[in-house]
C-alpha atoms as a PDB file:
ATOM      1  CA  UNK A   1      22.241  36.325  -5.312  1.00  0.00           C
ATOM      2  CA  UNK A   2      19.545  38.170  -3.858  1.00  0.00           C
ATOM      3  CA  UNK A   3      17.385  38.198  -6.946  1.00  0.00           C
ATOM      4  CA  UNK A   4      16.744  34.144  -6.677  1.00  0.00           C
ATOM      5  CA  UNK A   5      15.348  34.420  -3.257  1.00  0.00           C
ATOM      6  CA  UNK A   6      12.850  37.369  -4.835  1.00  0.00           C
ATOM      7  CA  UNK A   7      12.312  35.254  -8.185  1.00  0.00           C
ATOM      8  CA  UNK A   8      10.885  32.453  -6.050  1.00  0.00           C
ATOM      9  CA  UNK A   9       9.123  34.774  -3.019  1.00  0.00           C
ATOM     10  CA  UNK A  10       7.377  37.270  -5.814  1.00  0.00           C
ATOM     11  CA  UNK A  11       6.897  34.470  -8.087  1.00  0.00           C
ATOM     12  CA  UNK A  12       4.257  32.909  -5.658  1.00  0.00           C
ATOM     13  CA  UNK A  13       3.085  36.334  -4.502  1.00  0.00           C
ATOM     14  CA  UNK A  14       2.840  37.551  -8.300  1.00  0.00           C
ATOM     15  CA  UNK A  15      -0.159  35.088  -8.798  1.00  0.00           C
ATOM     16  CA  UNK A  16      -2.338  37.409  -6.647  1.00  0.00           C
ATOM     17  CA  UNK A  17      -0.746  40.854  -7.361  1.00  0.00           C
ATOM     18  CA  UNK A  18       0.265  42.388 -10.642  1.00  0.00           C
ATOM     19  CA  UNK A  19       2.819  44.388  -8.770  1.00  0.00           C
ATOM     20  CA  UNK A  20       4.791  41.480  -7.578  1.00  0.00           C
ATOM     21  CA  UNK A  21       4.503  39.901 -10.578  1.00  0.00           C
ATOM     22  CA  UNK A  22       6.472  42.831 -12.526  1.00  0.00           C
ATOM     23  CA  UNK A  23       8.878  42.328  -9.643  1.00  0.00           C
ATOM     24  CA  UNK A  24       9.287  38.431 -10.172  1.00  0.00           C
ATOM     25  CA  UNK A  25       9.795  39.174 -14.060  1.00  0.00           C
ATOM     26  CA  UNK A  26      12.536  41.557 -13.453  1.00  0.00           C
ATOM     27  CA  UNK A  27      14.085  38.719 -10.752  1.00  0.00           C
ATOM     28  CA  UNK A  28      13.984  36.200 -13.616  1.00  0.00           C
ATOM     29  CA  UNK A  29      15.607  38.624 -15.940  1.00  0.00           C
ATOM     30  CA  UNK A  30      18.366  39.375 -13.588  1.00  0.00           C
ATOM     31  CA  UNK A  31      18.375  35.620 -12.218  1.00  0.00           C
ATOM     32  CA  UNK A  32      18.678  34.160 -16.173  1.00  0.00           C
ATOM     33  CA  UNK A  33      21.331  36.856 -16.683  1.00  0.00           C
ATOM     34  CA  UNK A  34      23.751  35.911 -14.026  1.00  0.00           C
ATOM     35  CA  UNK A  35      23.335  32.016 -14.312  1.00  0.00           C
ATOM     36  CA  UNK A  36      24.196  33.098 -18.327  1.00  0.00           C
ATOM     37  CA  UNK A  37      27.363  34.848 -16.898  1.00  0.00           C
ATOM     38  CA  UNK A  38      25.952  38.059 -17.861  1.00  0.00           C
ATOM     39  CA  UNK A  39      25.305  41.314 -15.489  1.00  0.00           C
ATOM     40  CA  UNK A  40      22.089  41.907 -14.111  1.00  0.00           C
ATOM     41  CA  UNK A  41      20.715  45.189 -15.772  1.00  0.00           C
ATOM     42  CA  UNK A  42      17.496  45.742 -14.456  1.00  0.00           C
ATOM     43  CA  UNK A  43      18.841  47.166 -10.924  1.00  0.00           C
ATOM     44  CA  UNK A  44      16.364  45.092  -8.972  1.00  0.00           C
ATOM     45  CA  UNK A  45      19.538  43.559  -7.095  1.00  0.00           C
ATOM     46  CA  UNK A  46      20.626  47.084  -5.672  1.00  0.00           C
ATOM     47  CA  UNK A  47      16.730  47.927  -5.346  1.00  0.00           C
ATOM     48  CA  UNK A  48      16.782  45.032  -3.123  1.00  0.00           C
ATOM     49  CA  UNK A  49      19.854  45.437  -1.191  1.00  0.00           C
ATOM     50  CA  UNK A  50      19.047  49.232  -0.229  1.00  0.00           C
ATOM     51  CA  UNK A  51      15.052  48.277   0.665  1.00  0.00           C
ATOM     52  CA  UNK A  52      16.553  45.512   2.684  1.00  0.00           C
ATOM     53  CA  UNK A  53      19.140  47.425   4.727  1.00  0.00           C
ATOM     54  CA  UNK A  54      17.287  50.869   5.015  1.00  0.00           C
ATOM     55  CA  UNK A  55      14.906  48.580   7.562  1.00  0.00           C
ATOM     56  CA  UNK A  56      17.948  47.301   9.544  1.00  0.00           C
ATOM     57  CA  UNK A  57      19.172  50.912   9.909  1.00  0.00           C
ATOM     58  CA  UNK A  58      16.152  52.010  10.891  1.00  0.00           C
ATOM     59  CA  UNK A  59      16.269  49.804  13.540  1.00  0.00           C
ATOM     60  CA  UNK A  60      20.034  49.491  14.527  1.00  0.00           C
ATOM     61  CA  UNK A  61      22.675  51.699  12.445  1.00  0.00           C
ATOM     62  CA  UNK A  62      25.312  49.159  13.651  1.00  0.00           C
ATOM     63  CA  UNK A  63      23.408  46.172  12.227  1.00  0.00           C
ATOM     64  CA  UNK A  64      22.667  47.886   9.397  1.00  0.00           C
ATOM     65  CA  UNK A  65      25.957  48.630   8.333  1.00  0.00           C
ATOM     66  CA  UNK A  66      27.216  45.154   9.133  1.00  0.00           C
ATOM     67  CA  UNK A  67      24.197  43.699   6.737  1.00  0.00           C
ATOM     68  CA  UNK A  68      25.112  46.423   4.032  1.00  0.00           C
ATOM     69  CA  UNK A  69      28.715  45.362   4.290  1.00  0.00           C
ATOM     70  CA  UNK A  70      28.320  41.736   3.810  1.00  0.00           C
ATOM     71  CA  UNK A  71      25.012  41.558   1.930  1.00  0.00           C
ATOM     72  CA  UNK A  72      26.199  39.393  -1.095  1.00  0.00           C
ATOM     73  CA  UNK A  73      27.276  36.724   1.557  1.00  0.00           C
ATOM     74  CA  UNK A  74      24.343  37.051   3.311  1.00  0.00           C
ATOM     75  CA  UNK A  75      22.025  36.399   0.341  1.00  0.00           C
ATOM     76  CA  UNK A  76      24.159  33.933  -0.823  1.00  0.00           C
ATOM     77  CA  UNK A  77      23.543  31.979   2.714  1.00  0.00           C
ATOM     78  CA  UNK A  78      20.438  32.469   2.299  1.00  0.00           C
ATOM     79  CA  UNK A  79      19.753  31.398  -1.425  1.00  0.00           C
ATOM     80  CA  UNK A  80      21.998  27.729  -0.527  1.00  0.00           C
ATOM     81  CA  UNK A  81      19.572  27.587   1.960  1.00  0.00           C
ATOM     82  CA  UNK A  82      16.392  27.769  -0.542  1.00  0.00           C
ATOM     83  CA  UNK A  83      18.313  26.245  -2.996  1.00  0.00           C
ATOM     84  CA  UNK A  84      18.709  22.775  -0.553  1.00  0.00           C
ATOM     85  CA  UNK A  85      15.096  23.512   0.475  1.00  0.00           C
ATOM     86  CA  UNK A  86      14.011  23.095  -2.922  1.00  0.00           C
ATOM     87  CA  UNK A  87      16.340  20.163  -3.970  1.00  0.00           C
ATOM     88  CA  UNK A  88      14.719  18.407  -1.048  1.00  0.00           C
ATOM     89  CA  UNK A  89      11.438  19.018  -1.639  1.00  0.00           C
ATOM     90  CA  UNK A  90      11.830  18.022  -5.453  1.00  0.00           C
ATOM     91  CA  UNK A  91      13.573  14.635  -4.029  1.00  0.00           C
ATOM     92  CA  UNK A  92      10.120  14.476  -1.965  1.00  0.00           C
ATOM     93  CA  UNK A  93       7.911  14.917  -4.845  1.00  0.00           C
ATOM     94  CA  UNK A  94       9.590  12.571  -6.998  1.00  0.00           C
ATOM     95  CA  UNK A  95       9.719  10.009  -4.243  1.00  0.00           C
ATOM     96  CA  UNK A  96       6.025  10.401  -3.722  1.00  0.00           C
ATOM     97  CA  UNK A  97       5.498   9.899  -7.656  1.00  0.00           C
ATOM     98  CA  UNK A  98       7.569   6.817  -7.508  1.00  0.00           C
ATOM     99  CA  UNK A  99       6.878   5.136  -4.469  1.00  0.00           C
ATOM    100  CA  UNK A 100       3.749   6.691  -2.983  1.00  0.00           C
ATOM    101  CA  UNK A 101       5.571   8.130  -0.237  1.00  0.00           C
ATOM    102  CA  UNK A 102       7.928  11.059   0.335  1.00  0.00           C
ATOM    103  CA  UNK A 103      11.350   9.229   1.785  1.00  0.00           C
ATOM    104  CA  UNK A 104      11.938   6.420  -0.386  1.00  0.00           C
ATOM    105  CA  UNK A 105      11.557   2.534  -1.535  1.00  0.00           C
ATOM    106  CA  UNK A 106      12.177   0.575   1.326  1.00  0.00           C
ATOM    107  CA  UNK A 107       9.395  -0.402   4.140  1.00  0.00           C
ATOM    108  CA  UNK A 108      10.650   1.843   6.763  1.00  0.00           C
ATOM    109  CA  UNK A 109      11.103   4.987   4.350  1.00  0.00           C
ATOM    110  CA  UNK A 110       7.081   4.612   3.386  1.00  0.00           C
ATOM    111  CA  UNK A 111       6.295   4.391   7.177  1.00  0.00           C
ATOM    112  CA  UNK A 112       7.433   8.266   7.375  1.00  0.00           C
ATOM    113  CA  UNK A 113       5.896  11.424   6.934  1.00  0.00           C
ATOM    114  CA  UNK A 114       4.927  12.737   3.955  1.00  0.00           C
ATOM    115  CA  UNK A 115       3.757  16.119   3.403  1.00  0.00           C
ATOM    116  CA  UNK A 116       2.068  15.185   0.358  1.00  0.00           C
ATOM    117  CA  UNK A 117       0.061  12.386   2.190  1.00  0.00           C
ATOM    118  CA  UNK A 118      -0.246  14.277   5.332  1.00  0.00           C
ATOM    119  CA  UNK A 119      -2.864  11.635   6.974  1.00  0.00           C
ATOM    120  CA  UNK A 120      -0.242   8.445   5.676  1.00  0.00           C
ATOM    121  CA  UNK A 121      -3.024   6.858   3.564  1.00  0.00           C
ATOM    122  CA  UNK A 122      -0.921   5.238   1.051  1.00  0.00           C
ATOM    123  CA  UNK A 123       0.766   3.482   3.893  1.00  0.00           C
ATOM    124  CA  UNK A 124      -1.566   2.448   6.148  1.00  0.00           C
ATOM    125  CA  UNK A 125      -1.762  -1.346   6.885  1.00  0.00           C
ATOM    126  CA  UNK A 126      -4.481  -3.550   8.499  1.00  0.00           C
ATOM    127  CA  UNK A 127      -2.241  -5.086  11.903  1.00  0.00           C
ATOM    128  CA  UNK A 128      -2.098  -7.570  14.305  1.00  0.00           C
ATOM    129  CA  UNK A 129      -3.196  -5.108  16.896  1.00  0.00           C
ATOM    130  CA  UNK A 130      -6.212  -3.835  14.686  1.00  0.00           C
ATOM    131  CA  UNK A 131      -8.065  -6.897  13.450  1.00  0.00           C
ATOM    132  CA  UNK A 132      -5.628  -9.909  13.798  1.00  0.00           C
ATOM    133  CA  UNK A 133      -4.955  -9.653  10.725  1.00  0.00           C
ATOM    134  CA  UNK A 134      -1.160 -10.688  11.052  1.00  0.00           C
ATOM    135  CA  UNK A 135       0.497 -12.872  13.246  1.00  0.00           C
ATOM    136  CA  UNK A 136       1.750 -11.091  16.429  1.00  0.00           C
ATOM    137  CA  UNK A 137       4.782 -13.483  17.225  1.00  0.00           C
ATOM    138  CA  UNK A 138       6.559 -12.055  14.024  1.00  0.00           C
ATOM    139  CA  UNK A 139       9.190  -9.594  14.587  1.00  0.00           C
ATOM    140  CA  UNK A 140       9.624  -6.573  12.359  1.00  0.00           C
ATOM    141  CA  UNK A 141      12.105  -7.044   9.424  1.00  0.00           C
ATOM    142  CA  UNK A 142      12.550  -6.279   6.188  1.00  0.00           C
ATOM    143  CA  UNK A 143       9.989  -7.871   3.658  1.00  0.00           C
ATOM    144  CA  UNK A 144      11.371 -10.610   1.472  1.00  0.00           C
ATOM    145  CA  UNK A 145      10.106 -13.117  -1.099  1.00  0.00           C
ATOM    146  CA  UNK A 146      13.745 -15.264  -0.705  1.00  0.00           C
ATOM    147  CA  UNK A 147      12.943 -18.753   0.219  1.00  0.00           C
ATOM    148  CA  UNK A 148       9.450 -18.358  -0.056  1.00  0.00           C
ATOM    149  CA  UNK A 149       7.270 -21.116  -1.958  1.00  0.00           C
ATOM    150  CA  UNK A 150       4.934 -19.204  -4.148  1.00  0.00           C
ATOM    151  CA  UNK A 151       3.601 -22.461  -5.679  1.00  0.00           C
ATOM    152  CA  UNK A 152       1.961 -23.078  -2.573  1.00  0.00           C
ATOM    153  CA  UNK A 153      -0.524 -20.214  -3.368  1.00  0.00           C
ATOM    154  CA  UNK A 154      -3.099 -19.540  -5.867  1.00  0.00           C
ATOM    155  CA  UNK A 155      -1.595 -17.473  -9.331  1.00  0.00           C
ATOM    156  CA  UNK A 156      -2.305 -16.344 -12.421  1.00  0.00           C
ATOM    157  CA  UNK A 157       0.442 -16.715 -14.882  1.00  0.00           C
ATOM    158  CA  UNK A 158       0.237 -16.115 -18.657  1.00  0.00           C
ATOM    159  CA  UNK A 159       2.049 -17.788 -21.607  1.00  0.00           C
ATOM    160  CA  UNK A 160       4.749 -14.535 -21.477  1.00  0.00           C
ATOM    161  CA  UNK A 161       5.979 -13.843 -17.934  1.00  0.00           C
ATOM    162  CA  UNK A 162       7.912 -10.585 -17.801  1.00  0.00           C
ATOM    163  CA  UNK A 163       6.768  -9.207 -14.432  1.00  0.00           C
ATOM    164  CA  UNK A 164       5.799 -10.674 -11.285  1.00  0.00           C
ATOM    165  CA  UNK A 165       3.073  -9.456  -8.501  1.00  0.00           C
ATOM    166  CA  UNK A 166       2.633 -10.819  -5.341  1.00  0.00           C
ATOM    167  CA  UNK A 167      -0.071 -10.081  -3.439  1.00  0.00           C
ATOM    168  CA  UNK A 168      -0.630 -10.731   0.418  1.00  0.00           C
ATOM    169  CA  UNK A 169      -3.990  -9.171   1.790  1.00  0.00           C
ATOM    170  CA  UNK A 170      -6.869 -10.308   4.117  1.00  0.00           C
ATOM    171  CA  UNK A 171     -10.636  -9.867   2.660  1.00  0.00           C
ATOM    172  CA  UNK A 172     -11.490  -8.949   6.356  1.00  0.00           C
ATOM    173  CA  UNK A 173      -9.063  -6.111   6.143  1.00  0.00           C
ATOM    174  CA  UNK A 174     -10.072  -2.220   5.086  1.00  0.00           C
ATOM    175  CA  UNK A 175      -6.725  -1.105   3.692  1.00  0.00           C
ATOM    176  CA  UNK A 176      -7.181  -4.601   1.539  1.00  0.00           C
ATOM    177  CA  UNK A 177     -10.338  -3.719   0.316  1.00  0.00           C
ATOM    178  CA  UNK A 178      -9.269  -0.453  -0.516  1.00  0.00           C
ATOM    179  CA  UNK A 179      -6.238  -1.571  -2.898  1.00  0.00           C
ATOM    180  CA  UNK A 180      -8.028  -4.421  -4.155  1.00  0.00           C
ATOM    181  CA  UNK A 181      -9.447  -2.179  -7.174  1.00  0.00           C
ATOM    182  CA  UNK A 182      -6.433  -0.824  -8.037  1.00  0.00           C
ATOM    183  CA  UNK A 183      -4.848  -4.278  -8.215  1.00  0.00           C
ATOM    184  CA  UNK A 184      -7.614  -5.409 -10.570  1.00  0.00           C
ATOM    185  CA  UNK A 185      -6.800  -2.273 -12.789  1.00  0.00           C
ATOM    186  CA  UNK A 186      -3.210  -3.283 -13.187  1.00  0.00           C
ATOM    187  CA  UNK A 187      -3.950  -6.979 -14.027  1.00  0.00           C
ATOM    188  CA  UNK A 188      -6.395  -6.026 -16.432  1.00  0.00           C
ATOM    189  CA  UNK A 189      -3.907  -3.989 -18.213  1.00  0.00           C
ATOM    190  CA  UNK A 190      -0.903  -6.190 -17.797  1.00  0.00           C
ATOM    191  CA  UNK A 191      -2.740  -9.481 -18.034  1.00  0.00           C
ATOM    192  CA  UNK A 192      -0.504 -10.983 -20.943  1.00  0.00           C
ATOM    193  CA  UNK A 193       3.115 -10.244 -18.909  1.00  0.00           C
ATOM    194  CA  UNK A 194       2.332 -10.253 -15.355  1.00  0.00           C
ATOM    195  CA  UNK A 195       2.590 -13.351 -13.081  1.00  0.00           C
ATOM    196  CA  UNK A 196       0.006 -12.655  -9.955  1.00  0.00           C
ATOM    197  CA  UNK A 197       0.220 -14.455  -6.698  1.00  0.00           C
ATOM    198  CA  UNK A 198      -2.475 -13.980  -3.973  1.00  0.00           C
ATOM    199  CA  UNK A 199      -1.661 -14.789  -0.338  1.00  0.00           C
ATOM    200  CA  UNK A 200      -4.381 -14.568   2.071  1.00  0.00           C
ATOM    201  CA  UNK A 201      -3.213 -13.464   5.316  1.00  0.00           C
ATOM    202  CA  UNK A 202      -6.091 -13.395   7.679  1.00  0.00           C
ATOM    203  CA  UNK A 203      -4.192 -15.726  10.414  1.00  0.00           C
ATOM    204  CA  UNK A 204      -7.229 -15.313  12.569  1.00  0.00           C
ATOM    205  CA  UNK A 205      -9.049 -18.191  14.011  1.00  0.00           C
ATOM    206  CA  UNK A 206     -12.195 -17.578  12.861  1.00  0.00           C
ATOM    207  CA  UNK A 207     -11.343 -17.198   8.934  1.00  0.00           C
ATOM    208  CA  UNK A 208      -8.887 -20.588   8.905  1.00  0.00           C
ATOM    209  CA  UNK A 209     -11.350 -22.409   7.207  1.00  0.00           C
ATOM    210  CA  UNK A 210     -11.694 -19.624   4.224  1.00  0.00           C
ATOM    211  CA  UNK A 211      -7.978 -20.261   3.437  1.00  0.00           C
ATOM    212  CA  UNK A 212      -8.842 -24.013   3.208  1.00  0.00           C
ATOM    213  CA  UNK A 213     -11.946 -23.360   0.945  1.00  0.00           C
ATOM    214  CA  UNK A 214      -9.884 -21.375  -1.379  1.00  0.00           C
ATOM    215  CA  UNK A 215      -7.368 -23.822  -1.741  1.00  0.00           C
ATOM    216  CA  UNK A 216      -9.634 -26.647  -2.220  1.00  0.00           C
ATOM    217  CA  UNK A 217     -11.584 -24.197  -5.044  1.00  0.00           C
ATOM    218  CA  UNK A 218      -8.338 -23.512  -6.366  1.00  0.00           C
ATOM    219  CA  UNK A 219      -7.136 -27.454  -6.933  1.00  0.00           C
ATOM    220  CA  UNK A 220     -10.411 -27.943  -8.299  1.00  0.00           C
ATOM    221  CA  UNK A 221     -11.165 -24.858 -10.612  1.00  0.00           C
ATOM    222  CA  UNK A 222      -8.697 -22.080 -11.100  1.00  0.00           C
ATOM    223  CA  UNK A 223     -11.356 -19.726 -12.696  1.00  0.00           C
ATOM    224  CA  UNK A 224     -13.992 -20.524 -10.077  1.00  0.00           C
ATOM    225  CA  UNK A 225     -11.368 -19.797  -7.734  1.00  0.00           C
ATOM    226  CA  UNK A 226     -10.566 -16.419  -9.057  1.00  0.00           C
ATOM    227  CA  UNK A 227     -14.484 -15.842  -9.618  1.00  0.00           C
ATOM    228  CA  UNK A 228     -15.174 -16.696  -5.537  1.00  0.00           C
ATOM    229  CA  UNK A 229     -11.653 -14.260  -4.636  1.00  0.00           C
ATOM    230  CA  UNK A 230     -13.227 -11.487  -6.163  1.00  0.00           C
ATOM    231  CA  UNK A 231     -17.149 -11.857  -4.812  1.00  0.00           C
ATOM    232  CA  UNK A 232     -15.199 -12.150  -1.245  1.00  0.00           C
ATOM    233  CA  UNK A 233     -13.153  -8.437  -2.130  1.00  0.00           C
ATOM    234  CA  UNK A 234     -16.716  -7.261  -3.000  1.00  0.00           C
ATOM    235  CA  UNK A 235     -19.434  -8.583  -0.353  1.00  0.00           C
ATOM    236  CA  UNK A 236     -20.003  -6.202   2.929  1.00  0.00           C
ATOM    237  CA  UNK A 237     -17.144  -6.307   5.474  1.00  0.00           C
ATOM    238  CA  UNK A 238     -19.036  -7.607   8.034  1.00  0.00           C
ATOM    239  CA  UNK A 239     -20.238 -10.683   6.141  1.00  0.00           C
ATOM    240  CA  UNK A 240     -16.861 -12.155   6.032  1.00  0.00           C
ATOM    241  CA  UNK A 241     -17.158 -12.997   9.523  1.00  0.00           C
ATOM    242  CA  UNK A 242     -20.541 -14.845   8.685  1.00  0.00           C
ATOM    243  CA  UNK A 243     -19.762 -18.123   7.907  1.00  0.00           C
ATOM    244  CA  UNK A 244     -23.058 -18.890   6.482  1.00  0.00           C
ATOM    245  CA  UNK A 245     -23.181 -15.567   4.379  1.00  0.00           C
ATOM    246  CA  UNK A 246     -19.557 -16.824   2.739  1.00  0.00           C
ATOM    247  CA  UNK A 247     -21.156 -20.160   2.042  1.00  0.00           C
ATOM    248  CA  UNK A 248     -23.851 -18.494   0.101  1.00  0.00           C
ATOM    249  CA  UNK A 249     -21.114 -16.754  -1.947  1.00  0.00           C
ATOM    250  CA  UNK A 250     -19.690 -20.306  -2.024  1.00  0.00           C
ATOM    251  CA  UNK A 251     -23.113 -21.632  -3.842  1.00  0.00           C
ATOM    252  CA  UNK A 252     -23.411 -19.171  -6.158  1.00  0.00           C
ATOM    253  CA  UNK A 253     -19.763 -20.214  -8.188  1.00  0.00           C
ATOM    254  CA  UNK A 254     -20.174 -22.049 -11.011  1.00  0.00           C
ATOM    255  CA  UNK A 255     -18.485 -25.382 -11.503  1.00  0.00           C
ATOM    256  CA  UNK A 256     -18.195 -25.699  -7.950  1.00  0.00           C
ATOM    257  CA  UNK A 257     -19.971 -28.308  -5.647  1.00  0.00           C
ATOM    258  CA  UNK A 258     -20.259 -26.141  -2.289  1.00  0.00           C
ATOM    259  CA  UNK A 259     -20.847 -29.705  -0.202  1.00  0.00           C
ATOM    260  CA  UNK A 260     -17.790 -31.395  -1.452  1.00  0.00           C
ATOM    261  CA  UNK A 261     -15.369 -28.150  -1.248  1.00  0.00           C
ATOM    262  CA  UNK A 262     -16.920 -28.315   2.332  1.00  0.00           C
ATOM    263  CA  UNK A 263     -15.836 -31.774   2.907  1.00  0.00           C
ATOM    264  CA  UNK A 264     -12.316 -30.950   1.112  1.00  0.00           C
ATOM    265  CA  UNK A 265     -11.630 -28.288   3.503  1.00  0.00           C
ATOM    266  CA  UNK A 266     -11.977 -30.754   6.375  1.00  0.00           C
ATOM    267  CA  UNK A 267      -9.498 -33.154   5.427  1.00  0.00           C
ATOM    268  CA  UNK A 268      -6.089 -33.494   6.573  1.00  0.00           C
ATOM    269  CA  UNK A 269      -4.791 -32.676   3.375  1.00  0.00           C
ATOM    270  CA  UNK A 270      -6.001 -29.212   3.380  1.00  0.00           C
ATOM    271  CA  UNK A 271      -4.905 -28.571   7.136  1.00  0.00           C
ATOM    272  CA  UNK A 272      -1.370 -29.825   5.782  1.00  0.00           C
ATOM    273  CA  UNK A 273      -1.459 -27.435   2.759  1.00  0.00           C
ATOM    274  CA  UNK A 274      -2.929 -24.378   5.516  1.00  0.00           C
ATOM    275  CA  UNK A 275      -0.098 -25.359   7.734  1.00  0.00           C
ATOM    276  CA  UNK A 276       2.667 -25.396   4.966  1.00  0.00           C
ATOM    277  CA  UNK A 277       1.236 -21.821   3.768  1.00  0.00           C
ATOM    278  CA  UNK A 278       1.479 -20.486   7.286  1.00  0.00           C
ATOM    279  CA  UNK A 279       5.223 -21.045   7.681  1.00  0.00           C
ATOM    280  CA  UNK A 280       5.879 -19.704   3.922  1.00  0.00           C
ATOM    281  CA  UNK A 281       3.726 -16.609   4.731  1.00  0.00           C
ATOM    282  CA  UNK A 282       6.061 -16.184   8.161  1.00  0.00           C
ATOM    283  CA  UNK A 283       9.169 -15.985   5.920  1.00  0.00           C
ATOM    284  CA  UNK A 284       7.903 -12.764   4.326  1.00  0.00           C
ATOM    285  CA  UNK A 285       7.994 -11.096   7.820  1.00  0.00           C
ATOM    286  CA  UNK A 286       4.708  -9.502   7.076  1.00  0.00           C
ATOM    287  CA  UNK A 287       3.829  -7.446   9.229  1.00  0.00           C
ATOM    288  CA  UNK A 288       0.401  -5.759   7.726  1.00  0.00           C
ATOM    289  CA  UNK A 289      -1.878  -6.197   4.615  1.00  0.00           C
ATOM    290  CA  UNK A 290      -1.936  -5.075   2.313  1.00  0.00           C
ATOM    291  CA  UNK A 291       1.525  -6.112   1.617  1.00  0.00           C
ATOM    292  CA  UNK A 292       2.320  -6.061  -2.439  1.00  0.00           C
ATOM    293  CA  UNK A 293       5.726  -6.880  -4.149  1.00  0.00           C
ATOM    294  CA  UNK A 294       5.919  -5.872  -7.398  1.00  0.00           C
ATOM    295  CA  UNK A 295       8.922  -8.247  -8.821  1.00  0.00           C
ATOM    296  CA  UNK A 296      11.631  -7.242  -5.670  1.00  0.00           C
ATOM    297  CA  UNK A 297      10.139  -3.740  -4.910  1.00  0.00           C
ATOM    298  CA  UNK A 298       7.858  -4.265  -1.737  1.00  0.00           C
ATOM    299  CA  UNK A 299       5.114  -1.925  -0.918  1.00  0.00           C
ATOM    300  CA  UNK A 300       2.969  -1.423   2.365  1.00  0.00           C
ATOM    301  CA  UNK A 301      -0.357   0.231   2.656  1.00  0.00           C
ATOM    302  CA  UNK A 302      -2.472   0.966  -0.677  1.00  0.00           C
ATOM    303  CA  UNK A 303      -0.662   3.108  -3.236  1.00  0.00           C
ATOM    304  CA  UNK A 304      -1.887   4.537  -6.488  1.00  0.00           C
ATOM    305  CA  UNK A 305      -1.674   2.458  -9.582  1.00  0.00           C
ATOM    306  CA  UNK A 306       0.957   4.400 -11.052  1.00  0.00           C
ATOM    307  CA  UNK A 307       3.060   3.171  -8.221  1.00  0.00           C
ATOM    308  CA  UNK A 308       3.094  -0.300  -8.952  1.00  0.00           C
ATOM    309  CA  UNK A 309       2.813   0.098 -12.773  1.00  0.00           C
ATOM    310  CA  UNK A 310       6.263   2.210 -12.647  1.00  0.00           C
ATOM    311  CA  UNK A 311       7.957  -0.956 -11.191  1.00  0.00           C
ATOM    312  CA  UNK A 312       6.631  -3.236 -14.286  1.00  0.00           C
ATOM    313  CA  UNK A 313       9.422  -3.724 -16.880  1.00  0.00           C
ATOM    314  CA  UNK A 314       7.015  -2.850 -19.706  1.00  0.00           C
ATOM    315  CA  UNK A 315       6.345   0.352 -18.116  1.00  0.00           C
ATOM    316  CA  UNK A 316       7.598   3.101 -20.490  1.00  0.00           C
ATOM    317  CA  UNK A 317       8.956   6.038 -17.817  1.00  0.00           C
ATOM    318  CA  UNK A 318       7.636   8.989 -20.131  1.00  0.00           C
ATOM    319  CA  UNK A 319       7.792  11.447 -16.397  1.00  0.00           C
ATOM    320  CA  UNK A 320      11.371  10.551 -16.094  1.00  0.00           C
ATOM    321  CA  UNK A 321      11.679  10.763 -19.687  1.00  0.00           C
ATOM    322  CA  UNK A 322      10.587  14.450 -19.735  1.00  0.00           C
ATOM    323  CA  UNK A 323      12.533  15.244 -16.625  1.00  0.00           C
ATOM    324  CA  UNK A 324      15.685  14.229 -18.549  1.00  0.00           C
ATOM    325  CA  UNK A 325      14.593  16.226 -21.711  1.00  0.00           C
ATOM    326  CA  UNK A 326      13.614  19.596 -19.610  1.00  0.00           C
ATOM    327  CA  UNK A 327      16.856  19.247 -17.832  1.00  0.00           C
ATOM    328  CA  UNK A 328      18.901  19.306 -21.092  1.00  0.00           C
ATOM    329  CA  UNK A 329      16.725  21.678 -22.573  1.00  0.00           C
ATOM    330  CA  UNK A 330      17.700  24.170 -19.534  1.00  0.00           C
ATOM    331  CA  UNK A 331      21.387  23.298 -19.757  1.00  0.00           C
ATOM    332  CA  UNK A 332      21.458  23.983 -23.353  1.00  0.00           C
ATOM    333  CA  UNK A 333      19.666  27.436 -23.126  1.00  0.00           C
ATOM    334  CA  UNK A 334      22.480  27.959 -20.511  1.00  0.00           C
ATOM    335  CA  UNK A 335      25.041  27.376 -22.847  1.00  0.00           C
ATOM    336  CA  UNK A 336      24.181  29.039 -25.719  1.00  0.00           C
ATOM    337  CA  UNK A 337      23.397  32.310 -23.847  1.00  0.00           C
ATOM    338  CA  UNK A 338      26.608  32.105 -21.541  1.00  0.00           C
ATOM    339  CA  UNK A 339      28.359  31.470 -24.989  1.00  0.00           C
ATOM    340  CA  UNK A 340      26.557  33.240 -27.712  1.00  0.00           C
ATOM    341  CA  UNK A 341      24.964  35.924 -26.177  1.00  0.00           C
ATOM    342  CA  UNK A 342      26.913  37.134 -24.002  1.00  0.00           C
ATOM    343  CA  UNK A 343      27.270  40.549 -23.421  1.00  0.00           C
ATOM    344  CA  UNK A 344      30.692  42.151 -24.142  1.00  0.00           C
END
């Protein structure tokens, strides 16, 4: 199966060289005939065997004779290694398309190294070591929504709910701001079927008042809350830590009395709700933001839009359908040539 290795190598080299392109075509012809149970007629396998063993014979006649004698076994060994490498690369590419990382769906997988995302940009989170956006007392465990009372948090719920997205973010965290336009685009496309829950996870002493303000606004006017939420995501990052500038944003929200909202945020009821929310956040085992749940699948870091969309029940997996169709076409082609075009 030396022709298979030649097909890969000369196929790449053939992009830049017409000579190598001719060898790649011969290699393809040879490989195709072998997998359809026919003999290779190009003579490429014999030529490659002669060229390779001659190089070894020049250095060491004994080694050259050994390579020539066991050439088929050696070529099969390298072929198996190459096929294994291609399969591994294919799985990594599929995982990257499906989950935004090379390794798989779990949180530990998302933290792993990925050749398609060498900087780890898709899995970066703002954690307590960077800016106190999470609670440093949390022990890293698997993310979960089990036993979490989501009704305590601001939510948008359409008439017909088919999917659920829980978005745990932090206004003062750059990675949350990075993914926010993606989340907005996803919701604008699926607002008729996706229930959306936003969980503000500052757990930062200077921003406790902001959660209480949000809760008061949400209780008063849900549309005004989402307006406030979107404006906070858009103001300059340093302004989030400036209470007067946050209050300026509050004053611009239609239908909300800023003084009444501030008074509401200072009540014991507001404090009780805030503490209850913190208890629910701790149940989720969040280590950083953004942390996003699409139905039962958890994601850390800012993922591409396609990753979130593929978890929705309303999404049509054209990529998967295309891969299956391609696989079926290849198998049918091989069977056709192996059965009906096989040389006597």
